[in-house]
Amino acid sequence: MPPTPEPDARTLRIAELTQELLGLIGEDPARDGLLRTPMRVAKSLQFLTRGYNQTLDEVINNALFDVDYDEMVIVKDIDFFSMCEHHMLPFFGVCHVAYLPKGKVLGLSKMARIVDLFARRLQVQERLTKEVAHAIDNCIEPHGVAVAVEAEHLCMKMRGVEKHNAQAITSCLLGSFQNPATRAEFLSLVHR
């Protein structure tokens, strides 16, 4: 088994701050169960926010194809996990993405990767929804893009109002998806 690489300066600093935080909330950072927690938290935070270290071009990786197809392309139920920027608590759910091509199509897995690119940052659901839609619109310049996100927010379930069954739904409709018939077709297909 190859040796584990030494953590970089940023990882070490996050671990140091986590150890301080543990003490501030009343824990003993030297307690057996918490000895390695600061480094675990540092690595976890870097994984959960890796979208800051990626670009749209890297994620798409030239997976744009000239295809003579002009019907709706949908990838639905794309699982995602994010963290709200207000409390740094998770929110998670599914994202439905559709577009009407205009000569170019995007590799199907790239739509899921675009969702992850923006979800793996501190977020609000409304901005996440718009960022995904605009990224796809800018990439392939289709006739239209539709994104709908359904999510549960632990900041509403674990604290504050403590509403365990609440779910937030957001959408962003660009171009031809602003037409009521096209919007209705999209919504009926993703909610089958």
N, C-alpha and C. Protein backbone atom coordinates (compact mmCIF):
# COMPACT_ATOMS: atom_id res chain seq x y z
N MET A 1 0.85 -1.18 0.00
CA MET A 1 0.00 0.00 0.00
C MET A 1 0.89 1.24 0.00
N PRO A 2 0.66 2.16 -0.95
CA PRO A 2 1.51 3.36 -1.00
C PRO A 2 1.31 4.24 0.22
N PRO A 3 2.35 4.97 0.60
CA PRO A 3 2.22 5.85 1.77
C PRO A 3 1.22 6.97 1.52
N THR A 4 0.53 7.38 2.58
CA THR A 4 -0.43 8.48 2.49
C THR A 4 0.34 9.78 2.34
N PRO A 5 -0.02 10.61 1.35
CA PRO A 5 0.70 11.87 1.17
C PRO A 5 0.49 12.80 2.37
N GLU A 6 1.49 13.61 2.62
CA GLU A 6 1.41 14.58 3.70
C GLU A 6 0.35 15.63 3.36
N PRO A 7 -0.45 16.06 4.36
CA PRO A 7 -1.46 17.09 4.08
C PRO A 7 -0.80 18.42 3.72
N ASP A 8 -1.46 19.17 2.85
CA ASP A 8 -0.94 20.47 2.46
C ASP A 8 -1.24 21.51 3.55
N ALA A 9 -0.73 22.71 3.34
CA ALA A 9 -0.85 23.77 4.35
C ALA A 9 -2.31 24.14 4.63
N ARG A 10 -3.15 24.15 3.59
CA ARG A 10 -4.56 24.50 3.79
C ARG A 10 -5.27 23.44 4.63
N THR A 11 -5.01 22.17 4.35
CA THR A 11 -5.62 21.09 5.12
C THR A 11 -5.19 21.18 6.58
N LEU A 12 -3.91 21.42 6.81
CA LEU A 12 -3.42 21.54 8.18
C LEU A 12 -4.06 22.72 8.91
N ARG A 13 -4.25 23.83 8.21
CA ARG A 13 -4.86 25.02 8.85
C ARG A 13 -6.32 24.75 9.18
N ILE A 14 -7.08 24.10 8.28
CA ILE A 14 -8.47 23.76 8.57
C ILE A 14 -8.55 22.83 9.78
N ALA A 15 -7.63 21.87 9.86
CA ALA A 15 -7.59 20.94 11.00
C ALA A 15 -7.31 21.69 12.30
N GLU A 16 -6.39 22.63 12.24
CA GLU A 16 -6.05 23.44 13.42
C GLU A 16 -7.27 24.25 13.89
N LEU A 17 -7.97 24.86 12.96
CA LEU A 17 -9.16 25.63 13.31
C LEU A 17 -10.28 24.73 13.85
N THR A 18 -10.39 23.54 13.31
CA THR A 18 -11.40 22.58 13.79
C THR A 18 -11.09 22.17 15.22
N GLN A 19 -9.83 21.95 15.51
CA GLN A 19 -9.44 21.59 16.88
C GLN A 19 -9.80 22.73 17.84
N GLU A 20 -9.56 23.96 17.43
CA GLU A 20 -9.92 25.11 18.25
C GLU A 20 -11.44 25.18 18.44
N LEU A 21 -12.18 24.95 17.37
CA LEU A 21 -13.64 24.96 17.43
C LEU A 21 -14.16 23.91 18.41
N LEU A 22 -13.57 22.73 18.39
CA LEU A 22 -14.00 21.67 19.33
C LEU A 22 -13.88 22.15 20.77
N GLY A 23 -12.80 22.82 21.08
CA GLY A 23 -12.62 23.36 22.43
C GLY A 23 -13.63 24.44 22.75
N LEU A 24 -13.93 25.30 21.77
CA LEU A 24 -14.87 26.40 21.98
C LEU A 24 -16.30 25.92 22.23
N ILE A 25 -16.68 24.78 21.67
CA ILE A 25 -18.04 24.27 21.92
C ILE A 25 -18.12 23.45 23.20
N GLY A 26 -16.99 23.29 23.89
CA GLY A 26 -17.01 22.60 25.17
C GLY A 26 -16.48 21.17 25.14
N GLU A 27 -15.92 20.76 24.03
CA GLU A 27 -15.37 19.42 23.92
C GLU A 27 -13.91 19.41 24.31
N ASP A 28 -13.40 18.23 24.55
CA ASP A 28 -11.99 18.05 24.83
C ASP A 28 -11.34 17.48 23.57
N PRO A 29 -10.64 18.31 22.78
CA PRO A 29 -10.04 17.83 21.54
C PRO A 29 -9.02 16.71 21.75
N ALA A 30 -8.55 16.54 22.99
CA ALA A 30 -7.58 15.48 23.28
C ALA A 30 -8.27 14.16 23.64
N ARG A 31 -9.60 14.17 23.70
CA ARG A 31 -10.34 12.94 24.00
C ARG A 31 -10.12 11.93 22.89
N ASP A 32 -10.04 10.65 23.27
CA ASP A 32 -9.70 9.58 22.34
C ASP A 32 -10.52 9.63 21.04
N GLY A 33 -11.81 9.77 21.14
CA GLY A 33 -12.66 9.76 19.95
C GLY A 33 -12.50 10.97 19.06
N LEU A 34 -11.86 12.03 19.56
CA LEU A 34 -11.71 13.27 18.79
C LEU A 34 -10.28 13.53 18.31
N LEU A 35 -9.36 12.65 18.66
CA LEU A 35 -7.95 12.90 18.32
C LEU A 35 -7.73 13.13 16.82
N ARG A 36 -8.37 12.35 15.99
CA ARG A 36 -8.17 12.47 14.54
C ARG A 36 -9.31 13.23 13.85
N THR A 37 -10.27 13.70 14.63
CA THR A 37 -11.41 14.42 14.06
C THR A 37 -11.01 15.68 13.30
N PRO A 38 -10.12 16.52 13.81
CA PRO A 38 -9.78 17.73 13.06
C PRO A 38 -9.28 17.45 11.64
N MET A 39 -8.45 16.44 11.47
CA MET A 39 -7.95 16.12 10.12
C MET A 39 -9.06 15.51 9.27
N ARG A 40 -9.93 14.69 9.89
CA ARG A 40 -11.05 14.13 9.14
C ARG A 40 -11.98 15.25 8.64
N VAL A 41 -12.25 16.21 9.52
CA VAL A 41 -13.12 17.33 9.14
C VAL A 41 -12.47 18.15 8.02
N ALA A 42 -11.18 18.39 8.13
CA ALA A 42 -10.47 19.16 7.10
C ALA A 42 -10.58 18.47 5.74
N LYS A 43 -10.35 17.18 5.71
CA LYS A 43 -10.43 16.44 4.44
C LYS A 43 -11.87 16.39 3.93
N SER A 44 -12.81 16.24 4.85
CA SER A 44 -14.22 16.20 4.48
C SER A 44 -14.66 17.53 3.87
N LEU A 45 -14.29 18.63 4.50
CA LEU A 45 -14.67 19.95 3.98
C LEU A 45 -14.07 20.20 2.61
N GLN A 46 -12.86 19.76 2.41
CA GLN A 46 -12.25 19.96 1.10
C GLN A 46 -12.96 19.13 0.03
N PHE A 47 -13.40 17.93 0.39
CA PHE A 47 -14.16 17.11 -0.55
C PHE A 47 -15.52 17.75 -0.83
N LEU A 48 -16.21 18.19 0.21
CA LEU A 48 -17.55 18.73 0.07
C LEU A 48 -17.58 20.08 -0.65
N THR A 49 -16.45 20.76 -0.72
CA THR A 49 -16.38 22.05 -1.41
C THR A 49 -15.41 22.02 -2.59
N ARG A 50 -15.21 20.85 -3.16
CA ARG A 50 -14.24 20.72 -4.26
C ARG A 50 -14.66 21.48 -5.52
N GLY A 51 -15.90 21.91 -5.59
CA GLY A 51 -16.36 22.70 -6.74
C GLY A 51 -15.60 24.01 -6.89
N TYR A 52 -15.03 24.51 -5.81
CA TYR A 52 -14.24 25.75 -5.89
C TYR A 52 -12.95 25.54 -6.68
N ASN A 53 -12.50 24.29 -6.76
CA ASN A 53 -11.22 23.98 -7.41
C ASN A 53 -11.40 23.41 -8.81
N GLN A 54 -12.61 23.52 -9.37
CA GLN A 54 -12.89 23.00 -10.70
C GLN A 54 -13.42 24.13 -11.58
N THR A 55 -13.23 23.98 -12.87
CA THR A 55 -13.82 24.93 -13.81
C THR A 55 -14.81 24.18 -14.71
N LEU A 56 -15.69 24.92 -15.32
CA LEU A 56 -16.67 24.33 -16.23
C LEU A 56 -15.97 23.63 -17.40
N ASP A 57 -14.92 24.24 -17.93
CA ASP A 57 -14.19 23.61 -19.05
C ASP A 57 -13.59 22.27 -18.65
N GLU A 58 -13.04 22.19 -17.43
CA GLU A 58 -12.47 20.92 -16.96
C GLU A 58 -13.55 19.86 -16.83
N VAL A 59 -14.69 20.25 -16.32
CA VAL A 59 -15.79 19.30 -16.10
C VAL A 59 -16.35 18.79 -17.43
N ILE A 60 -16.49 19.67 -18.40
CA ILE A 60 -17.06 19.28 -19.70
C ILE A 60 -16.05 18.49 -20.52
N ASN A 61 -14.78 18.84 -20.42
CA ASN A 61 -13.71 18.08 -21.04
C ASN A 61 -13.99 17.80 -22.53
N ASN A 62 -14.43 18.82 -23.24
CA ASN A 62 -14.68 18.73 -24.69
C ASN A 62 -15.75 17.72 -25.09
N ALA A 63 -16.65 17.37 -24.20
CA ALA A 63 -17.72 16.41 -24.52
C ALA A 63 -18.91 17.14 -25.14
N LEU A 64 -18.65 17.90 -26.18
CA LEU A 64 -19.67 18.61 -26.97
C LEU A 64 -19.67 17.99 -28.36
N PHE A 65 -20.84 17.63 -28.84
CA PHE A 65 -20.91 16.89 -30.09
C PHE A 65 -21.92 17.52 -31.04
N ASP A 66 -21.54 17.57 -32.32
CA ASP A 66 -22.44 18.04 -33.37
C ASP A 66 -23.41 16.90 -33.68
N VAL A 67 -24.69 17.12 -33.42
CA VAL A 67 -25.70 16.09 -33.65
C VAL A 67 -26.95 16.77 -34.20
N ASP A 68 -27.53 16.18 -35.21
CA ASP A 68 -28.76 16.71 -35.80
C ASP A 68 -29.93 16.15 -35.01
N TYR A 69 -30.23 16.80 -33.89
CA TYR A 69 -31.31 16.36 -33.01
C TYR A 69 -31.93 17.59 -32.40
N ASP A 70 -33.26 17.71 -32.49
CA ASP A 70 -33.88 18.94 -31.99
C ASP A 70 -35.03 18.69 -31.01
N GLU A 71 -35.07 17.50 -30.44
CA GLU A 71 -36.07 17.20 -29.42
C GLU A 71 -35.46 17.36 -28.03
N MET A 72 -36.31 17.35 -27.02
CA MET A 72 -35.88 17.58 -25.65
C MET A 72 -34.92 16.48 -25.17
N VAL A 73 -33.83 16.90 -24.55
CA VAL A 73 -32.88 15.99 -23.90
C VAL A 73 -33.04 16.23 -22.40
N ILE A 74 -33.33 15.17 -21.66
CA ILE A 74 -33.54 15.30 -20.21
C ILE A 74 -32.68 14.28 -19.47
N VAL A 75 -32.03 14.74 -18.43
CA VAL A 75 -31.43 13.85 -17.44
C VAL A 75 -32.11 14.22 -16.12
N LYS A 76 -32.85 13.27 -15.57
CA LYS A 76 -33.61 13.58 -14.36
C LYS A 76 -33.08 12.80 -13.17
N ASP A 77 -33.49 13.23 -12.01
CA ASP A 77 -33.12 12.56 -10.75
C ASP A 77 -31.61 12.48 -10.55
N ILE A 78 -30.91 13.56 -10.86
CA ILE A 78 -29.47 13.63 -10.59
C ILE A 78 -29.31 13.92 -9.10
N ASP A 79 -28.83 12.95 -8.36
CA ASP A 79 -28.61 13.15 -6.92
C ASP A 79 -27.53 14.20 -6.71
N PHE A 80 -27.71 15.03 -5.70
CA PHE A 80 -26.66 15.98 -5.34
C PHE A 80 -26.67 16.21 -3.84
N PHE A 81 -25.53 16.66 -3.34
CA PHE A 81 -25.37 17.06 -1.95
C PHE A 81 -24.65 18.40 -1.96
N SER A 82 -25.13 19.31 -1.13
CA SER A 82 -24.50 20.62 -1.04
C SER A 82 -24.54 21.06 0.41
N MET A 83 -23.99 22.23 0.68
CA MET A 83 -24.03 22.80 2.03
C MET A 83 -24.53 24.23 1.94
N CYS A 84 -25.52 24.56 2.77
CA CYS A 84 -26.06 25.91 2.72
C CYS A 84 -25.02 26.90 3.24
N GLU A 85 -24.97 28.04 2.59
CA GLU A 85 -23.98 29.04 2.97
C GLU A 85 -24.34 29.77 4.26
N HIS A 86 -25.56 29.61 4.73
CA HIS A 86 -25.98 30.32 5.94
C HIS A 86 -25.60 29.61 7.22
N HIS A 87 -25.67 28.28 7.22
CA HIS A 87 -25.38 27.51 8.44
C HIS A 87 -24.33 26.43 8.22
N MET A 88 -23.88 26.28 6.97
CA MET A 88 -22.96 25.22 6.58
C MET A 88 -23.49 23.84 6.98
N LEU A 89 -24.81 23.69 6.85
CA LEU A 89 -25.43 22.39 7.04
C LEU A 89 -25.82 21.85 5.66
N PRO A 90 -25.88 20.53 5.53
CA PRO A 90 -26.18 19.94 4.22
C PRO A 90 -27.59 20.22 3.74
N PHE A 91 -27.72 20.33 2.42
CA PHE A 91 -29.01 20.16 1.77
C PHE A 91 -28.76 19.23 0.59
N PHE A 92 -29.78 18.46 0.25
CA PHE A 92 -29.58 17.40 -0.73
C PHE A 92 -30.90 17.08 -1.40
N GLY A 93 -30.80 16.48 -2.57
CA GLY A 93 -32.00 16.12 -3.29
C GLY A 93 -31.68 15.66 -4.68
N VAL A 94 -32.57 16.04 -5.61
CA VAL A 94 -32.38 15.68 -7.02
C VAL A 94 -32.51 16.91 -7.89
N CYS A 95 -31.81 16.86 -8.99
CA CYS A 95 -31.84 17.93 -9.97
C CYS A 95 -32.28 17.33 -11.30
N HIS A 96 -33.21 17.98 -11.96
CA HIS A 96 -33.68 17.57 -13.28
C HIS A 96 -33.19 18.62 -14.28
N VAL A 97 -32.54 18.17 -15.34
CA VAL A 97 -31.95 19.09 -16.32
C VAL A 97 -32.44 18.71 -17.71
N ALA A 98 -32.85 19.71 -18.48
CA ALA A 98 -33.29 19.48 -19.86
C ALA A 98 -32.81 20.61 -20.75
N TYR A 99 -32.66 20.29 -22.03
CA TYR A 99 -32.39 21.34 -23.01
C TYR A 99 -32.92 20.91 -24.37
N LEU A 100 -33.14 21.89 -25.21
CA LEU A 100 -33.55 21.67 -26.60
C LEU A 100 -32.36 22.03 -27.48
N PRO A 101 -31.68 21.03 -28.04
CA PRO A 101 -30.43 21.28 -28.77
C PRO A 101 -30.62 22.14 -30.02
N LYS A 102 -29.55 22.82 -30.36
CA LYS A 102 -29.49 23.61 -31.59
C LYS A 102 -28.18 23.24 -32.29
N GLY A 103 -28.09 21.96 -32.72
CA GLY A 103 -26.90 21.51 -33.45
C GLY A 103 -25.82 20.89 -32.59
N LYS A 104 -25.83 21.15 -31.29
CA LYS A 104 -24.82 20.58 -30.39
C LYS A 104 -25.51 19.89 -29.23
N VAL A 105 -24.93 18.75 -28.82
CA VAL A 105 -25.39 18.09 -27.61
C VAL A 105 -24.21 17.94 -26.66
N LEU A 106 -24.54 17.77 -25.41
CA LEU A 106 -23.57 17.64 -24.32
C LEU A 106 -23.57 16.19 -23.88
N GLY A 107 -22.40 15.61 -23.64
CA GLY A 107 -22.35 14.25 -23.11
C GLY A 107 -23.25 14.15 -21.88
N LEU A 108 -24.07 13.10 -21.81
CA LEU A 108 -25.09 13.01 -20.76
C LEU A 108 -24.49 13.07 -19.35
N SER A 109 -23.37 12.40 -19.14
CA SER A 109 -22.77 12.42 -17.80
C SER A 109 -22.29 13.81 -17.41
N LYS A 110 -22.05 14.66 -18.41
CA LYS A 110 -21.56 16.01 -18.12
C LYS A 110 -22.62 16.85 -17.42
N MET A 111 -23.89 16.55 -17.67
CA MET A 111 -24.94 17.31 -16.97
C MET A 111 -24.87 17.02 -15.47
N ALA A 112 -24.64 15.76 -15.11
CA ALA A 112 -24.49 15.42 -13.69
C ALA A 112 -23.22 16.07 -13.12
N ARG A 113 -22.17 16.10 -13.90
CA ARG A 113 -20.92 16.71 -13.43
C ARG A 113 -21.07 18.23 -13.24
N ILE A 114 -21.87 18.86 -14.10
CA ILE A 114 -22.13 20.30 -13.95
C ILE A 114 -22.90 20.55 -12.66
N VAL A 115 -23.89 19.71 -12.38
CA VAL A 115 -24.64 19.84 -11.11
C VAL A 115 -23.66 19.74 -9.95
N ASP A 116 -22.78 18.75 -9.96
CA ASP A 116 -21.81 18.59 -8.86
C ASP A 116 -20.86 19.77 -8.76
N LEU A 117 -20.43 20.32 -9.90
CA LEU A 117 -19.52 21.46 -9.89
C LEU A 117 -20.07 22.59 -9.02
N PHE A 118 -21.36 22.88 -9.19
CA PHE A 118 -21.94 24.00 -8.44
C PHE A 118 -22.49 23.57 -7.08
N ALA A 119 -22.89 22.31 -6.94
CA ALA A 119 -23.39 21.84 -5.64
C ALA A 119 -22.27 21.72 -4.63
N ARG A 120 -21.07 21.43 -5.08
CA ARG A 120 -19.94 21.25 -4.17
C ARG A 120 -19.27 22.59 -3.83
N ARG A 121 -20.11 23.54 -3.50
CA ARG A 121 -19.69 24.86 -3.01
C ARG A 121 -20.71 25.25 -1.94
N LEU A 122 -20.39 26.22 -1.11
CA LEU A 122 -21.41 26.74 -0.21
C LEU A 122 -22.46 27.39 -1.09
N GLN A 123 -23.73 27.06 -0.86
CA GLN A 123 -24.75 27.43 -1.81
C GLN A 123 -26.05 27.84 -1.16
N VAL A 124 -26.91 28.42 -1.96
CA VAL A 124 -28.35 28.49 -1.72
C VAL A 124 -28.98 27.78 -2.92
N GLN A 125 -30.09 27.14 -2.70
CA GLN A 125 -30.71 26.33 -3.75
C GLN A 125 -31.07 27.15 -4.97
N GLU A 126 -31.53 28.36 -4.76
CA GLU A 126 -31.94 29.21 -5.88
C GLU A 126 -30.76 29.50 -6.81
N ARG A 127 -29.60 29.83 -6.24
CA ARG A 127 -28.42 30.13 -7.05
C ARG A 127 -27.92 28.86 -7.74
N LEU A 128 -27.92 27.75 -7.03
CA LEU A 128 -27.50 26.48 -7.62
C LEU A 128 -28.31 26.19 -8.88
N THR A 129 -29.61 26.37 -8.80
CA THR A 129 -30.51 26.11 -9.92
C THR A 129 -30.14 26.98 -11.12
N LYS A 130 -29.94 28.27 -10.88
CA LYS A 130 -29.60 29.20 -11.96
C LYS A 130 -28.22 28.92 -12.53
N GLU A 131 -27.25 28.60 -11.67
CA GLU A 131 -25.89 28.36 -12.17
C GLU A 131 -25.85 27.16 -13.11
N VAL A 132 -26.56 26.10 -12.76
CA VAL A 132 -26.58 24.91 -13.62
C VAL A 132 -27.21 25.28 -14.97
N ALA A 133 -28.34 25.97 -14.95
CA ALA A 133 -29.02 26.33 -16.20
C ALA A 133 -28.15 27.22 -17.08
N HIS A 134 -27.56 28.24 -16.50
CA HIS A 134 -26.75 29.17 -17.29
C HIS A 134 -25.47 28.52 -17.81
N ALA A 135 -24.89 27.60 -17.04
CA ALA A 135 -23.69 26.90 -17.51
C ALA A 135 -23.99 26.09 -18.76
N ILE A 136 -25.09 25.36 -18.75
CA ILE A 136 -25.46 24.56 -19.92
C ILE A 136 -25.81 25.47 -21.10
N ASP A 137 -26.53 26.56 -20.81
CA ASP A 137 -26.88 27.52 -21.86
C ASP A 137 -25.63 28.10 -22.51
N ASN A 138 -24.65 28.46 -21.71
CA ASN A 138 -23.42 29.05 -22.24
C ASN A 138 -22.58 28.04 -23.01
N CYS A 139 -22.63 26.77 -22.60
CA CYS A 139 -21.81 25.73 -23.23
C CYS A 139 -22.26 25.39 -24.64
N ILE A 140 -23.54 25.16 -24.79
CA ILE A 140 -24.01 24.63 -26.08
C ILE A 140 -24.99 25.54 -26.81
N GLU A 141 -25.36 26.65 -26.18
CA GLU A 141 -26.28 27.63 -26.78
C GLU A 141 -27.49 26.95 -27.44
N PRO A 142 -28.25 26.19 -26.63
CA PRO A 142 -29.41 25.49 -27.17
C PRO A 142 -30.59 26.45 -27.35
N HIS A 143 -31.71 25.91 -27.85
CA HIS A 143 -32.92 26.72 -27.96
C HIS A 143 -33.45 27.09 -26.58
N GLY A 144 -33.19 26.24 -25.59
CA GLY A 144 -33.66 26.51 -24.24
C GLY A 144 -33.10 25.50 -23.25
N VAL A 145 -33.13 25.89 -21.98
CA VAL A 145 -32.65 25.04 -20.88
C VAL A 145 -33.66 25.12 -19.76
N ALA A 146 -33.90 23.98 -19.11
CA ALA A 146 -34.76 23.94 -17.93
C ALA A 146 -34.04 23.16 -16.84
N VAL A 147 -34.08 23.70 -15.64
CA VAL A 147 -33.51 23.02 -14.47
C VAL A 147 -34.52 23.13 -13.34
N ALA A 148 -34.83 22.01 -12.72
CA ALA A 148 -35.68 21.98 -11.53
C ALA A 148 -34.94 21.21 -10.45
N VAL A 149 -34.95 21.77 -9.25
CA VAL A 149 -34.25 21.16 -8.12
C VAL A 149 -35.24 20.94 -6.99
N GLU A 150 -35.23 19.73 -6.44
CA GLU A 150 -36.06 19.38 -5.28
C GLU A 150 -35.09 18.99 -4.17
N ALA A 151 -35.18 19.68 -3.03
CA ALA A 151 -34.18 19.43 -1.99
C ALA A 151 -34.75 19.52 -0.59
N GLU A 152 -34.09 18.80 0.31
CA GLU A 152 -34.35 18.86 1.74
C GLU A 152 -33.18 19.57 2.39
N HIS A 153 -33.48 20.46 3.33
CA HIS A 153 -32.45 21.29 3.96
C HIS A 153 -32.37 20.96 5.45
N LEU A 154 -31.20 20.49 5.88
CA LEU A 154 -31.06 20.16 7.30
C LEU A 154 -31.12 21.39 8.19
N CYS A 155 -30.88 22.57 7.63
CA CYS A 155 -31.01 23.79 8.44
C CYS A 155 -32.48 24.04 8.80
N MET A 156 -33.42 23.46 8.05
CA MET A 156 -34.84 23.56 8.39
C MET A 156 -35.31 22.37 9.21
N LYS A 157 -34.59 21.24 9.13
CA LYS A 157 -35.01 20.03 9.81
C LYS A 157 -34.40 19.90 11.21
N MET A 158 -33.12 20.28 11.33
CA MET A 158 -32.38 20.05 12.58
C MET A 158 -32.40 21.24 13.53
N ARG A 159 -32.68 22.41 13.02
CA ARG A 159 -32.62 23.63 13.83
C ARG A 159 -33.73 24.56 13.35
N GLY A 160 -33.80 25.72 13.91
CA GLY A 160 -34.78 26.71 13.45
C GLY A 160 -36.21 26.19 13.55
N VAL A 161 -36.92 26.14 12.44
CA VAL A 161 -38.34 25.78 12.45
C VAL A 161 -38.57 24.29 12.67
N GLU A 162 -37.56 23.46 12.47
CA GLU A 162 -37.64 22.00 12.66
C GLU A 162 -38.84 21.38 11.95
N LYS A 163 -38.96 21.66 10.69
CA LYS A 163 -40.03 21.08 9.86
C LYS A 163 -39.44 19.92 9.06
N HIS A 164 -39.71 18.70 9.53
CA HIS A 164 -39.05 17.51 9.01
C HIS A 164 -39.52 17.08 7.64
N ASN A 165 -40.69 17.48 7.21
CA ASN A 165 -41.21 17.06 5.91
C ASN A 165 -41.12 18.14 4.85
N ALA A 166 -40.56 19.29 5.19
CA ALA A 166 -40.48 20.39 4.23
C ALA A 166 -39.49 20.07 3.12
N GLN A 167 -39.86 20.44 1.92
CA GLN A 167 -39.00 20.27 0.75
C GLN A 167 -39.07 21.55 -0.07
N ALA A 168 -37.94 21.98 -0.58
CA ALA A 168 -37.90 23.19 -1.40
C ALA A 168 -37.77 22.79 -2.87
N ILE A 169 -38.51 23.48 -3.73
CA ILE A 169 -38.46 23.23 -5.17
C ILE A 169 -38.17 24.55 -5.86
N THR A 170 -37.15 24.54 -6.71
CA THR A 170 -36.79 25.73 -7.47
C THR A 170 -36.66 25.35 -8.94
N SER A 171 -36.81 26.35 -9.80
CA SER A 171 -36.64 26.08 -11.23
C SER A 171 -36.03 27.30 -11.90
N CYS A 172 -35.40 27.03 -13.04
CA CYS A 172 -34.88 28.09 -13.90
C CYS A 172 -35.18 27.66 -15.32
N LEU A 173 -35.91 28.50 -16.04
CA LEU A 173 -36.32 28.19 -17.40
C LEU A 173 -35.77 29.26 -18.33
N LEU A 174 -35.00 28.83 -19.31
CA LEU A 174 -34.37 29.76 -20.25
C LEU A 174 -34.84 29.46 -21.67
N GLY A 175 -34.92 30.50 -22.49
CA GLY A 175 -35.25 30.34 -23.90
C GLY A 175 -36.61 29.71 -24.11
N SER A 176 -36.67 28.69 -24.96
CA SER A 176 -37.94 28.09 -25.35
C SER A 176 -38.69 27.43 -24.20
N PHE A 177 -38.02 27.17 -23.07
CA PHE A 177 -38.72 26.59 -21.92
C PHE A 177 -39.61 27.60 -21.21
N GLN A 178 -39.52 28.86 -21.61
CA GLN A 178 -40.42 29.85 -21.05
C GLN A 178 -41.80 29.78 -21.71
N ASN A 179 -41.89 29.04 -22.81
CA ASN A 179 -43.17 28.78 -23.45
C ASN A 179 -43.96 27.81 -22.56
N PRO A 180 -45.21 28.13 -22.20
CA PRO A 180 -45.98 27.29 -21.28
C PRO A 180 -46.10 25.83 -21.71
N ALA A 181 -46.21 25.56 -22.99
CA ALA A 181 -46.35 24.17 -23.45
C ALA A 181 -45.05 23.39 -23.27
N THR A 182 -43.93 24.03 -23.57
CA THR A 182 -42.62 23.38 -23.41
C THR A 182 -42.33 23.14 -21.93
N ARG A 183 -42.65 24.13 -21.11
CA ARG A 183 -42.48 23.99 -19.67
C ARG A 183 -43.33 22.83 -19.15
N ALA A 184 -44.58 22.75 -19.59
CA ALA A 184 -45.48 21.68 -19.14
C ALA A 184 -44.96 20.31 -19.56
N GLU A 185 -44.44 20.21 -20.79
CA GLU A 185 -43.87 18.93 -21.25
C GLU A 185 -42.70 18.51 -20.37
N PHE A 186 -41.80 19.46 -20.10
CA PHE A 186 -40.65 19.18 -19.22
C PHE A 186 -41.12 18.68 -17.86
N LEU A 187 -42.03 19.40 -17.23
CA LEU A 187 -42.48 19.03 -15.89
C LEU A 187 -43.20 17.68 -15.89
N SER A 188 -43.98 17.39 -16.94
CA SER A 188 -44.67 16.11 -16.98
C SER A 188 -43.68 14.96 -17.16
N LEU A 189 -42.61 15.17 -17.94
CA LEU A 189 -41.63 14.11 -18.15
C LEU A 189 -40.78 13.85 -16.92
N VAL A 190 -40.41 14.89 -16.19
CA VAL A 190 -39.56 14.65 -15.01
C VAL A 190 -40.35 14.12 -13.83
N HIS A 191 -41.65 14.31 -13.82
CA HIS A 191 -42.46 13.83 -12.68
C HIS A 191 -43.26 12.57 -12.99
N ARG A 192 -42.87 11.84 -14.02
CA ARG A 192 -43.51 10.56 -14.32
C ARG A 192 -43.20 9.57 -13.24
